[in-house]
Protein backbone atom coordinates (compact mmCIF):
# COMPACT_ATOMS: atom_id res chain seq x y z
CA LEU A 1 158.03 76.34 123.89
CA LYS A 2 156.46 76.18 127.32
CA ASN A 3 155.76 78.61 130.19
CA TRP A 4 157.05 81.77 128.52
CA PRO A 5 155.73 85.06 130.03
CA SER A 6 155.45 86.82 126.66
CA GLN A 7 154.79 85.93 123.01
CA GLY A 8 155.70 82.37 122.09
CA ILE A 9 157.03 83.06 118.59
CA ILE A 10 157.48 86.53 117.10
CA ASP A 11 158.05 87.09 113.39
CA GLY A 12 159.41 90.63 113.29
CA GLY A 13 160.75 90.47 109.74
CA GLY A 14 157.76 89.06 107.92
CA GLY A 15 157.46 86.47 105.19
CA ASN A 16 158.54 83.52 107.33
CA TYR A 17 157.11 80.04 107.70
CA ILE A 18 156.04 79.11 111.23
CA PHE A 19 155.07 75.46 111.38
CA ASN A 20 155.06 72.27 113.48
CA ASN A 21 155.41 73.96 116.88
CA VAL A 22 153.85 73.28 120.26
CA ILE A 23 153.45 76.54 122.16
CA GLU A 24 152.06 76.35 125.68
CA ASN A 25 151.31 78.84 128.48
CA THR A 26 152.24 82.13 126.78
CA VAL A 27 150.57 85.54 126.39
CA ASP A 28 150.19 85.34 122.59
CA GLY A 29 151.07 82.04 120.95
CA ILE A 30 152.35 83.51 117.67
CA MET A 31 152.71 87.19 116.77
CA LEU A 32 153.39 88.58 113.28
CA MET A 33 154.67 92.15 113.34
CA THR A 34 155.31 93.30 109.78
CA ASP A 35 153.91 92.81 106.32
CA ASP A 36 155.50 95.50 104.19
CA ILE A 37 156.13 94.60 100.55
CA ILE A 38 159.93 94.90 100.77
CA ARG A 39 160.48 92.51 103.66
CA ALA A 40 157.41 90.29 103.33
CA PRO A 41 156.04 90.23 99.77
CA ILE A 42 154.39 86.84 100.34
CA GLY A 43 153.12 87.45 103.87
CA GLY A 44 153.56 84.94 106.68
CA ARG A 45 152.71 81.24 106.63
CA ILE A 46 151.42 79.77 109.89
CA PHE A 47 150.42 76.13 109.81
CA ASN A 48 150.39 72.87 111.80
CA ASN A 49 150.94 74.50 115.21
CA ALA A 50 149.40 73.60 118.56
CA ILE A 51 148.84 76.72 120.64
CA LEU A 52 147.72 75.84 124.14
CA ASN A 53 146.68 78.06 127.04
CA SER A 54 147.66 81.47 125.64
CA THR A 55 146.03 84.16 127.77
CA MET A 56 145.44 86.96 125.21
CA ASN A 57 145.46 85.54 121.65
CA GLY A 58 146.28 82.32 119.91
CA ILE A 59 147.74 84.18 116.93
CA TYR A 60 148.07 87.97 116.87
CA ILE A 61 148.71 89.83 113.63
CA PHE A 62 150.04 93.35 114.09
CA CYS A 63 150.07 94.28 110.41
CA THR A 64 148.34 96.63 108.00
CA ASN A 65 148.01 94.20 105.09
CA PRO A 66 147.40 90.69 106.46
CA ASP A 67 145.58 89.40 103.37
CA LYS A 68 148.78 87.74 102.04
CA THR A 69 149.29 85.80 105.27
CA LEU A 70 148.06 82.19 105.26
CA ILE A 71 146.89 80.58 108.49
CA TYR A 72 145.67 77.00 108.42
CA ASN A 73 145.60 73.67 110.24
CA ASN A 74 146.44 75.10 113.67
CA ILE A 75 145.00 73.89 116.96
CA ILE A 76 144.28 76.76 119.35
CA ASN A 77 142.58 76.24 122.69
CA LYS A 78 141.18 78.96 124.91
CA PRO A 79 141.89 78.30 128.59
CA SER A 80 139.24 79.04 131.18
CA THR A 81 141.62 81.65 132.68
CA ALA A 82 142.00 83.57 129.39
CA ASP A 83 141.51 87.31 129.17
CA ALA A 84 137.89 88.26 128.41
CA ALA A 85 138.99 89.76 125.06
CA PHE A 86 140.74 86.51 123.97
CA LYS A 87 140.74 85.89 120.21
CA TYR A 88 141.81 82.76 118.43
CA VAL A 89 143.22 84.97 115.66
CA GLY A 90 143.43 88.64 116.64
CA PHE A 91 144.36 91.70 114.61
CA ASN A 92 145.52 95.18 115.58
CA TYR A 93 142.65 96.26 113.34
CA GLU A 94 139.82 94.27 111.78
CA PRO A 95 140.49 93.46 108.09
CA ASN A 96 137.70 93.73 105.52
C-alpha cells in the first residue's frame, strides 16, 4: 500500500493477523481498533511488516486491553517530516 492519506491497514474487528505487508507514506501504518473478548479473544497479531514514512505512528493501538496483541519483527522508520509526537508503536493510553 503506497501513498494513502489515512491509515494503511485498519483492523476494526480485532483478532486478525496482519503480516508480510509493505506500507508506505500513510498517516498511521497499521491501526488496531478493538480488543473486546467476544470479537478478539486472542488479540491482534502484527508481524513481518515494513512500515515506511508514516507521519503519526508506525502502529497505533486504539484498545483498552492490548496485552493479548503480539507485535514482532516489523520494520518501522520515522521520516524526517514526521509529526513531533510520532511513536513507533502508539497507544490511545499507556499500558502498564
